[in-house]
Amino acid sequence: MTNQPSFIPTNHSQSALSPQRLLLIWLTAAVLIFTSGCSLYDTKVQLDSIQKTLSQLTGEIVNKSGVSGPVYAVLLEELDLQIGWREEVLTDQEGRYALSTLTGKFYVGAFIDANSDGKYQQDEPAAIVQDDNGLPLRYDITEQSQHSVPTLVVSSRLNKAYGRDVVDITGAPYANIGKPISLNDPVFAEANLSMGMWKPLDFLEQVGGGLFFLEPYSKTKTPIIFVHGINGAPTNFTDIVAGLDRNKFQPWVLYYPSGLRLDIVSDYLINAVARLEADYHFKEFHVVAHSMGGLVTRSFVKKYASKKRPAQLSLVVTINSPLHGMESAAMGVKTSPIIVPSWIDVAADSAFVKDLHVWKWPANIPYQLIFSYGGGDGSDGVVPLDSQLSYSLQREAQRIYGFNDGHVTALSNKDLIETLNSILQKNN
């Protein structure tokens, strides 16, 4: 969440207008602002298509190849004359995985990353889920659905030829993993932030996003991944990045369309970090997240902690994050004529939020919590304190820091930046 319209600030004081009425006014205004230069119909069609077709394939992979290494599940898409390599996902320690996708015709495969480079080579053990006739089992996805994929056993190299070439269609977000960029780059323009919220599929096609570097990689510096919130961008962290000790830390920035379901974003971050681990062999890294980015990060930590990885996640800091969701998002899901998919996850008492709090934060991953209360209404002007600062969060955090500032302006607060730098130095 940023100083651009996100969710209506929660106001616990009396008002002439009900919260529901205020929310509808804001939603209408936000839609009209964004759609002044594009089609309202196109926006609704795109967001509805995500809601109605987003599907998941889940299963388990068993490694009987005799070769050790990370185990990846692979989503392959049937094209006209080729097979497209859509995505690879690192399995957890039990070999389980979840692949998310929209409409299309898909196959599920797996490979053992014998040399731990995060990429598949033909001499590595691999397999593809097959039907009863020994042919690749195709999943035709036309609407929202859940698919339980048969257990896939990887025992040898994939030596069957199925008649079509495999081409890389992972897209710009994967091509941009580790790509150097400046925070002044036009890719972070305000128009792109709105596109990411209201037209996330257009954002992926036209802007891409990714996990970028802000300087060339250095093996002597600890990476810090910065995760923005809804309608936000890495530029929200400009002042914090400027204040970093660049002799000790290297900033990496996640840039994603904030209208997407949050599991998709955290899955991408898992895969991006795995690829960078394979490329650079760094031993530790930190994550600093703002607003909705805190929910993305909590989801990431839950998944990362379930996987055996070479790097240690040695610090997580959340700033002004709605970690217990937003009532205003829940009202938006119930009443808005256009529903942004990420609202469903940010909504208070959503299945996504509940799942993140049933899970217990790992004792070996230090967590520090920063909150703001400058809204004057029991919030930072956007996120209420009971979502930023529940008792369960207070028990999880090693330390808690509060600032009398606003939801986004806090990111430029000199005392906050000094405090964050102190936290980083003590955990380095």
Protein backbone atom coordinates (compact mmCIF):
# COMPACT_ATOMS: atom_id res chain seq x y z
CA MET A 1 0.00 0.00 0.00
CA THR A 2 1.27 3.45 -0.82
CA ASN A 3 0.10 7.05 -0.74
CA GLN A 4 -1.80 6.28 -3.93
CA PRO A 5 -5.40 5.06 -3.35
CA SER A 6 -5.26 1.56 -1.91
CA PHE A 7 -7.79 0.77 0.79
CA ILE A 8 -9.85 3.40 2.54
CA PRO A 9 -8.20 4.28 5.86
CA THR A 10 -9.97 2.58 8.74
CA ASN A 11 -11.59 5.26 10.90
CA HIS A 12 -12.85 4.22 14.30
CA SER A 13 -14.35 7.66 15.02
CA GLN A 14 -17.97 8.63 14.33
CA SER A 15 -18.78 9.81 10.81
CA ALA A 16 -21.84 11.05 8.97
CA LEU A 17 -21.18 8.39 6.36
CA SER A 18 -21.00 4.70 7.15
CA PRO A 19 -17.71 2.88 6.43
CA GLN A 20 -19.48 0.91 3.71
CA ARG A 21 -20.66 4.11 2.05
CA LEU A 22 -17.22 5.69 2.33
CA LEU A 23 -15.66 2.58 0.80
CA LEU A 24 -18.04 2.62 -2.15
CA ILE A 25 -17.26 6.30 -2.75
CA TRP A 26 -13.53 5.57 -2.72
CA LEU A 27 -13.85 2.51 -4.94
CA THR A 28 -15.87 4.45 -7.50
CA ALA A 29 -13.36 7.31 -7.47
CA ALA A 30 -10.37 4.98 -7.75
CA VAL A 31 -11.88 3.09 -10.67
CA LEU A 32 -12.78 6.31 -12.48
CA ILE A 33 -9.28 7.77 -11.92
CA PHE A 34 -7.57 4.72 -13.35
CA THR A 35 -9.99 4.06 -16.17
CA SER A 36 -9.95 7.63 -17.48
CA GLY A 37 -7.34 6.50 -19.99
CA CYS A 38 -8.44 2.93 -20.55
CA SER A 39 -11.56 0.83 -20.81
CA LEU A 40 -13.48 0.08 -17.64
CA TYR A 41 -14.83 -2.97 -19.41
CA ASP A 42 -11.33 -4.23 -20.24
CA THR A 43 -10.29 -3.77 -16.62
CA LYS A 44 -13.24 -5.75 -15.33
CA VAL A 45 -12.73 -8.50 -17.92
CA GLN A 46 -9.06 -8.89 -16.98
CA LEU A 47 -9.63 -8.96 -13.23
CA ASP A 48 -12.61 -11.28 -13.59
CA SER A 49 -10.57 -13.63 -15.78
CA ILE A 50 -7.99 -13.98 -13.01
CA GLN A 51 -10.71 -14.67 -10.48
CA LYS A 52 -12.58 -17.18 -12.59
CA THR A 53 -9.69 -19.12 -14.09
CA LEU A 54 -6.84 -19.05 -11.57
CA SER A 55 -6.18 -22.71 -10.88
CA GLN A 56 -3.71 -24.79 -8.95
CA LEU A 57 -2.02 -28.12 -9.58
CA THR A 58 -0.60 -29.79 -6.49
CA GLY A 59 1.30 -32.99 -6.00
CA GLU A 60 4.40 -34.72 -4.73
CA ILE A 61 7.68 -35.72 -6.37
CA VAL A 62 9.73 -38.71 -5.23
CA ASN A 63 13.41 -38.83 -6.11
CA LYS A 64 14.53 -42.42 -6.79
CA SER A 65 17.28 -41.50 -9.23
CA GLY A 66 20.15 -41.95 -6.81
CA VAL A 67 21.19 -38.38 -7.64
CA SER A 68 20.99 -35.76 -4.90
CA GLY A 69 20.07 -32.13 -5.44
CA PRO A 70 17.15 -29.70 -5.27
CA VAL A 71 13.92 -31.11 -6.69
CA TYR A 72 11.85 -28.91 -9.01
CA ALA A 73 8.31 -29.30 -10.29
CA VAL A 74 7.80 -27.90 -13.81
CA LEU A 75 4.71 -26.48 -15.50
CA LEU A 76 4.74 -27.01 -19.26
CA GLU A 77 2.17 -25.41 -21.59
CA GLU A 78 1.01 -26.83 -24.92
CA LEU A 79 1.46 -24.34 -27.75
CA ASP A 80 0.60 -24.74 -31.44
CA LEU A 81 3.78 -26.50 -32.53
CA GLN A 82 5.89 -26.46 -29.38
CA ILE A 83 5.82 -27.03 -25.65
CA GLY A 84 6.43 -23.96 -23.51
CA TRP A 85 8.42 -24.12 -20.29
CA ARG A 86 6.15 -21.89 -18.20
CA GLU A 87 7.55 -22.20 -14.67
CA GLU A 88 9.64 -24.31 -12.32
CA VAL A 89 8.91 -24.49 -8.58
CA LEU A 90 11.21 -25.75 -5.87
CA THR A 91 9.52 -28.48 -3.83
CA ASP A 92 9.48 -28.54 -0.04
CA GLN A 93 11.43 -31.06 2.03
CA GLU A 94 8.69 -33.66 1.53
CA GLY A 95 8.71 -33.18 -2.23
CA ARG A 96 5.39 -31.32 -2.32
CA TYR A 97 4.63 -28.45 -4.69
CA ALA A 98 1.87 -26.17 -5.93
CA LEU A 99 1.74 -24.69 -9.44
CA SER A 100 -0.65 -21.81 -10.16
CA THR A 101 -1.89 -20.92 -13.62
CA LEU A 102 -4.68 -19.39 -15.69
CA THR A 103 -6.36 -21.01 -18.70
CA GLY A 104 -4.47 -23.27 -21.07
CA LYS A 105 -3.35 -26.82 -21.73
CA PHE A 106 -0.63 -27.96 -19.37
CA TYR A 107 1.66 -30.82 -18.42
CA VAL A 108 3.53 -31.36 -15.15
CA GLY A 109 7.11 -32.55 -14.99
CA ALA A 110 10.03 -32.61 -12.59
CA PHE A 111 13.82 -32.63 -12.55
CA ILE A 112 16.61 -33.16 -10.06
CA ASP A 113 18.99 -30.20 -10.11
CA ALA A 114 22.15 -32.30 -9.80
CA ASN A 115 24.58 -29.38 -10.11
CA SER A 116 22.38 -26.98 -8.08
CA ASP A 117 22.45 -24.27 -10.74
CA GLY A 118 18.68 -23.73 -10.73
CA LYS A 119 18.37 -24.85 -14.37
CA TYR A 120 17.55 -28.09 -16.13
CA GLN A 121 20.18 -29.90 -18.20
CA GLN A 122 19.34 -32.94 -20.32
CA ASP A 123 21.72 -35.20 -18.42
CA GLU A 124 19.86 -34.56 -15.15
CA PRO A 125 17.17 -36.97 -13.93
CA ALA A 126 13.69 -35.88 -15.02
CA ALA A 127 10.18 -37.19 -15.55
CA ILE A 128 6.75 -36.10 -16.75
CA VAL A 129 3.35 -37.13 -15.42
CA GLN A 130 1.87 -39.73 -17.79
CA ASP A 131 -1.56 -41.16 -18.51
CA ASP A 132 -2.43 -44.87 -18.56
CA ASN A 133 -1.04 -45.16 -22.09
CA GLY A 134 2.38 -43.82 -21.17
CA LEU A 135 1.77 -40.43 -22.83
CA PRO A 136 2.10 -37.05 -21.10
CA LEU A 137 -1.05 -36.36 -19.06
CA ARG A 138 -2.60 -33.06 -20.17
CA TYR A 139 -4.62 -30.76 -17.92
CA ASP A 140 -7.09 -28.59 -19.87
CA ILE A 141 -7.89 -25.60 -17.68
CA THR A 142 -10.81 -23.42 -18.73
CA GLU A 143 -12.13 -22.29 -15.36
CA GLN A 144 -11.03 -22.03 -11.75
CA SER A 145 -10.20 -25.49 -10.48
CA GLN A 146 -7.96 -27.53 -8.19
CA HIS A 147 -6.06 -30.50 -9.60
CA SER A 148 -4.40 -33.21 -7.53
CA VAL A 149 -1.56 -34.51 -9.68
CA PRO A 150 -0.48 -38.16 -9.31
CA THR A 151 2.78 -38.69 -7.43
CA LEU A 152 5.65 -38.37 -9.88
CA VAL A 153 8.66 -40.62 -9.43
CA VAL A 154 11.95 -39.44 -10.94
CA SER A 155 14.28 -42.37 -11.49
CA SER A 156 16.34 -41.59 -14.58
CA ARG A 157 16.92 -39.14 -17.40
CA LEU A 158 13.95 -38.26 -19.59
CA ASN A 159 14.83 -40.17 -22.74
CA LYS A 160 11.45 -40.18 -24.48
CA ALA A 161 10.95 -37.85 -27.45
CA TYR A 162 7.41 -36.49 -27.65
CA GLY A 163 7.84 -34.81 -31.00
CA ARG A 164 7.94 -31.11 -30.10
CA ASP A 165 10.62 -28.68 -29.03
CA VAL A 166 10.49 -27.10 -25.58
CA VAL A 167 10.84 -23.31 -25.58
CA ASP A 168 11.28 -20.91 -22.67
CA ILE A 169 8.12 -18.86 -22.07
CA THR A 170 8.78 -17.89 -18.47
CA GLY A 171 8.71 -14.21 -19.53
CA ALA A 172 10.26 -10.97 -18.36
CA PRO A 173 9.86 -11.52 -14.59
CA TYR A 174 12.26 -14.47 -14.83
CA ALA A 175 14.55 -12.75 -17.34
CA ASN A 176 14.81 -9.83 -14.89
CA ILE A 177 16.03 -11.90 -11.95
CA GLY A 178 19.31 -10.27 -10.94
CA LYS A 179 19.11 -7.60 -13.65
CA PRO A 180 20.73 -4.29 -12.56
CA ILE A 181 18.40 -1.29 -12.53
CA SER A 182 18.18 2.24 -11.12
CA LEU A 183 15.34 3.50 -8.98
CA ASN A 184 15.10 6.33 -11.53
CA ASP A 185 14.25 3.88 -14.31
CA PRO A 186 11.01 4.71 -16.21
CA VAL A 187 9.78 1.18 -15.49
CA PHE A 188 8.73 2.51 -12.06
CA ALA A 189 6.46 5.21 -13.52
CA GLU A 190 3.20 5.91 -11.68
CA ALA A 191 1.14 4.67 -14.64
CA ASN A 192 2.78 1.26 -14.33
CA LEU A 193 1.89 1.03 -10.65
CA SER A 194 -1.79 1.57 -11.44
CA MET A 195 -1.55 -0.96 -14.26
CA GLY A 196 -0.08 -3.48 -11.84
CA MET A 197 -3.07 -3.09 -9.53
CA TRP A 198 -5.93 -2.85 -12.03
CA LYS A 199 -4.49 -4.76 -15.01
CA PRO A 200 -1.89 -7.16 -13.61
CA LEU A 201 -1.78 -9.31 -16.74
CA ASP A 202 -1.00 -6.26 -18.89
CA PHE A 203 1.69 -5.34 -16.37
CA LEU A 204 3.34 -8.76 -16.71
CA GLU A 205 3.28 -8.49 -20.50
CA GLN A 206 4.25 -4.83 -20.93
CA VAL A 207 6.32 -4.04 -17.81
CA GLY A 208 7.41 -7.43 -16.55
CA GLY A 209 8.65 -6.68 -13.07
CA GLY A 210 11.14 -8.98 -11.40
CA LEU A 211 13.70 -9.25 -8.62
CA PHE A 212 16.20 -6.55 -9.61
CA PHE A 213 19.65 -5.57 -8.33
CA LEU A 214 20.38 -1.89 -7.62
CA GLU A 215 24.12 -2.48 -8.03
CA PRO A 216 26.35 -5.24 -9.42
CA TYR A 217 26.45 -8.33 -7.23
CA SER A 218 29.16 -8.38 -4.56
CA LYS A 219 30.04 -11.52 -2.64
CA THR A 220 31.24 -9.41 0.30
CA LYS A 221 27.88 -7.68 0.91
CA THR A 222 24.68 -9.06 2.45
CA PRO A 223 21.65 -8.87 0.12
CA ILE A 224 18.54 -7.09 1.39
CA ILE A 225 15.33 -7.76 -0.54
CA PHE A 226 12.84 -4.88 -0.40
CA VAL A 227 9.16 -5.81 -0.92
CA HIS A 228 6.64 -3.05 -1.69
CA GLY A 229 2.90 -2.99 -1.09
CA ILE A 230 -0.26 -2.53 -3.12
CA ASN A 231 -0.09 0.12 -5.85
CA GLY A 232 3.53 0.54 -4.85
CA ALA A 233 7.01 0.17 -6.28
CA PRO A 234 10.63 -0.16 -5.15
CA THR A 235 10.80 3.66 -5.31
CA ASN A 236 8.86 3.71 -2.02
CA PHE A 237 12.18 2.67 -0.42
CA THR A 238 14.28 5.42 -2.05
CA ASP A 239 15.21 7.15 1.22
CA ILE A 240 15.85 3.89 3.05
CA VAL A 241 18.10 2.63 0.25
CA ALA A 242 19.95 5.96 0.21
CA GLY A 243 20.67 5.55 3.92
CA LEU A 244 22.05 2.00 3.71
CA ASP A 245 25.64 1.19 4.51
CA ARG A 246 26.55 0.16 0.97
CA ASN A 247 29.88 -1.23 2.13
CA LYS A 248 28.01 -3.98 3.98
CA PHE A 249 24.66 -4.33 2.18
CA GLN A 250 23.44 -4.67 -1.40
CA PRO A 251 19.79 -3.77 -2.08
CA TRP A 252 17.63 -6.03 -4.24
CA VAL A 253 14.07 -4.93 -5.07
CA LEU A 254 11.01 -7.01 -5.84
CA TYR A 255 8.70 -5.35 -8.38
CA TYR A 256 5.39 -7.07 -9.02
CA PRO A 257 1.83 -6.30 -10.17
CA SER A 258 0.08 -5.72 -6.87
CA GLY A 259 -3.32 -6.84 -8.16
CA LEU A 260 -2.23 -10.50 -8.31
CA ARG A 261 -3.10 -13.08 -5.68
CA LEU A 262 -0.36 -13.01 -3.08
CA ASP A 263 0.53 -16.70 -3.25
CA ILE A 264 1.58 -16.14 -6.87
CA VAL A 265 3.89 -13.31 -5.82
CA SER A 266 5.48 -15.26 -2.96
CA ASP A 267 5.92 -18.30 -5.24
CA TYR A 268 7.78 -16.10 -7.70
CA LEU A 269 10.01 -14.74 -4.93
CA ILE A 270 10.81 -18.29 -3.78
CA ASN A 271 11.85 -19.24 -7.31
CA ALA A 272 13.81 -16.02 -7.88
CA VAL A 273 15.79 -16.42 -4.65
CA ALA A 274 16.50 -20.07 -5.51
CA ARG A 275 17.88 -19.02 -8.89
CA LEU A 276 20.10 -16.33 -7.34
CA GLU A 277 21.33 -18.79 -4.70
CA ALA A 278 22.37 -21.11 -7.51
CA ASP A 279 24.08 -18.30 -9.43
CA TYR A 280 25.90 -16.52 -6.60
CA HIS A 281 26.09 -18.95 -3.63
CA PHE A 282 25.44 -16.24 -1.03
CA LYS A 283 25.12 -17.56 2.53
CA GLU A 284 22.58 -15.18 4.05
CA PHE A 285 20.09 -12.47 3.14
CA HIS A 286 17.56 -10.12 4.77
CA VAL A 287 14.04 -9.04 3.77
CA VAL A 288 12.48 -5.63 4.49
CA ALA A 289 8.80 -5.29 3.58
CA HIS A 290 6.28 -2.46 3.64
CA SER A 291 2.50 -2.67 3.92
CA MET A 292 0.97 -5.52 1.86
CA GLY A 293 4.55 -6.57 1.15
CA GLY A 294 4.57 -7.85 4.74
CA LEU A 295 1.87 -10.39 3.83
CA VAL A 296 3.83 -11.40 0.73
CA THR A 297 6.92 -11.77 2.91
CA ARG A 298 5.18 -13.83 5.60
CA SER A 299 3.94 -16.16 2.85
CA PHE A 300 7.49 -16.30 1.43
CA VAL A 301 8.99 -17.13 4.83
CA LYS A 302 6.44 -19.91 5.38
CA LYS A 303 7.43 -21.49 2.07
CA TYR A 304 11.16 -20.80 2.37
CA ALA A 305 11.33 -22.34 5.83
CA SER A 306 9.85 -25.58 4.45
CA LYS A 307 12.65 -25.99 1.91
CA LYS A 308 16.25 -27.00 2.47
CA ARG A 309 18.19 -24.08 1.04
CA PRO A 310 21.89 -23.11 1.04
CA ALA A 311 21.30 -19.54 2.27
CA GLN A 312 20.07 -18.45 5.69
CA LEU A 313 17.23 -15.92 5.89
CA SER A 314 18.87 -14.05 8.73
CA LEU A 315 16.48 -11.11 9.28
CA VAL A 316 12.94 -10.05 8.39
CA VAL A 317 11.59 -6.55 9.07
CA THR A 318 8.00 -5.54 8.32
CA ILE A 319 6.91 -1.91 8.27
CA ASN A 320 3.25 -0.81 8.65
CA SER A 321 1.98 -4.16 7.40
CA PRO A 322 -1.67 -5.32 7.63
CA LEU A 323 -0.58 -8.74 8.85
CA HIS A 324 -4.06 -9.54 10.14
CA GLY A 325 -5.77 -8.19 7.05
CA MET A 326 -8.04 -5.20 6.38
CA GLU A 327 -11.77 -4.88 7.02
CA SER A 328 -11.91 -2.36 4.19
CA ALA A 329 -10.53 -4.95 1.77
CA ALA A 330 -13.20 -7.40 2.93
CA MET A 331 -15.90 -4.79 2.28
CA GLY A 332 -14.39 -4.11 -1.13
CA VAL A 333 -14.61 -7.79 -2.04
CA LYS A 334 -18.27 -7.85 -0.95
CA THR A 335 -19.46 -4.58 -2.48
CA SER A 336 -17.17 -3.35 -5.26
CA PRO A 337 -18.28 -3.80 -8.88
CA ILE A 338 -14.63 -4.52 -9.72
CA ILE A 339 -12.60 -6.76 -7.41
CA VAL A 340 -8.82 -6.65 -7.42
CA PRO A 341 -7.63 -10.24 -6.76
CA SER A 342 -5.13 -9.24 -4.07
CA TRP A 343 -7.98 -7.72 -2.02
CA ILE A 344 -9.28 -11.24 -1.45
CA ASP A 345 -6.04 -12.19 0.33
CA VAL A 346 -5.67 -8.89 2.22
CA ALA A 347 -9.25 -9.04 3.52
CA ALA A 348 -9.54 -9.54 7.26
CA ASP A 349 -10.24 -13.20 8.12
CA SER A 350 -9.37 -14.30 4.56
CA ALA A 351 -8.23 -17.88 4.08
CA PHE A 352 -4.80 -16.50 3.13
CA VAL A 353 -4.44 -14.49 6.36
CA LYS A 354 -5.75 -17.32 8.54
CA ASP A 355 -3.31 -19.78 6.99
CA LEU A 356 -0.37 -17.47 7.69
CA HIS A 357 -1.27 -17.23 11.37
CA VAL A 358 -2.02 -20.90 11.96
CA TRP A 359 1.61 -21.40 10.93
CA LYS A 360 4.23 -20.63 13.59
CA TRP A 361 7.07 -18.23 12.82
CA PRO A 362 10.41 -20.14 12.87
CA ALA A 363 12.56 -19.46 15.91
CA ASN A 364 15.73 -19.42 13.78
CA ILE A 365 14.58 -16.49 11.59
CA PRO A 366 14.90 -13.17 13.48
CA TYR A 367 11.85 -10.94 13.03
CA GLN A 368 11.53 -7.26 13.94
CA LEU A 369 8.33 -5.24 13.57
CA ILE A 370 7.96 -1.54 12.82
CA PHE A 371 4.56 0.17 13.02
CA SER A 372 3.19 3.70 12.70
CA TYR A 373 0.28 5.39 14.41
CA GLY A 374 0.19 8.84 12.79
CA GLY A 375 -3.35 8.53 11.46
CA GLY A 376 -4.85 9.83 14.69
CA ASP A 377 -7.60 7.22 14.56
CA GLY A 378 -5.92 4.08 15.82
CA SER A 379 -4.09 3.58 12.53
CA ASP A 380 -1.23 4.92 10.42
CA GLY A 381 -3.84 6.57 8.19
CA VAL A 382 -4.37 3.35 6.24
CA VAL A 383 -3.68 0.23 8.32
CA PRO A 384 -5.28 -0.08 11.78
CA LEU A 385 -3.01 -0.88 14.70
CA ASP A 386 -4.86 -4.10 15.52
CA SER A 387 -3.70 -5.45 12.15
CA GLN A 388 -0.15 -4.10 12.41
CA LEU A 389 0.36 -4.97 16.05
CA SER A 390 -1.66 -7.92 17.31
CA TYR A 391 -0.60 -9.77 20.45
CA SER A 392 0.51 -12.79 18.39
CA LEU A 393 2.78 -10.56 16.28
CA GLN A 394 4.22 -8.98 19.41
CA ARG A 395 5.12 -12.44 20.68
CA GLU A 396 6.80 -13.37 17.39
CA ALA A 397 8.86 -10.21 17.02
CA GLN A 398 12.20 -9.91 18.79
CA ARG A 399 11.63 -6.16 19.07
CA ILE A 400 8.88 -3.69 18.16
CA TYR A 401 9.35 -0.05 17.16
CA GLY A 402 6.61 2.57 16.80
CA PHE A 403 6.65 5.93 14.99
CA ASN A 404 4.18 8.81 14.97
CA ASP A 405 4.01 9.01 11.18
CA GLY A 406 1.86 8.06 8.22
CA HIS A 407 1.56 4.85 6.25
CA VAL A 408 4.02 5.84 3.49
CA THR A 409 5.63 8.99 4.86
CA ALA A 410 7.13 6.80 7.60
CA LEU A 411 9.48 5.37 4.96
CA SER A 412 11.18 8.79 4.83
CA ASN A 413 11.20 9.28 8.60
CA LYS A 414 14.80 9.89 9.67
CA ASP A 415 14.33 8.18 13.03
CA LEU A 416 12.82 5.12 11.36
CA ILE A 417 15.68 4.94 8.85
CA GLU A 418 18.24 5.27 11.65
CA THR A 419 16.46 2.53 13.62
CA LEU A 420 16.33 0.23 10.60
CA ASN A 421 20.04 0.76 9.94
CA SER A 422 20.78 -0.09 13.58
CA ILE A 423 18.72 -3.31 13.25
CA LEU A 424 20.60 -4.26 10.09
CA GLN A 425 24.02 -3.59 11.60
CA LYS A 426 23.25 -5.68 14.69
CA ASN A 427 22.06 -8.61 12.56
CA ASN A 428 24.90 -8.51 10.06
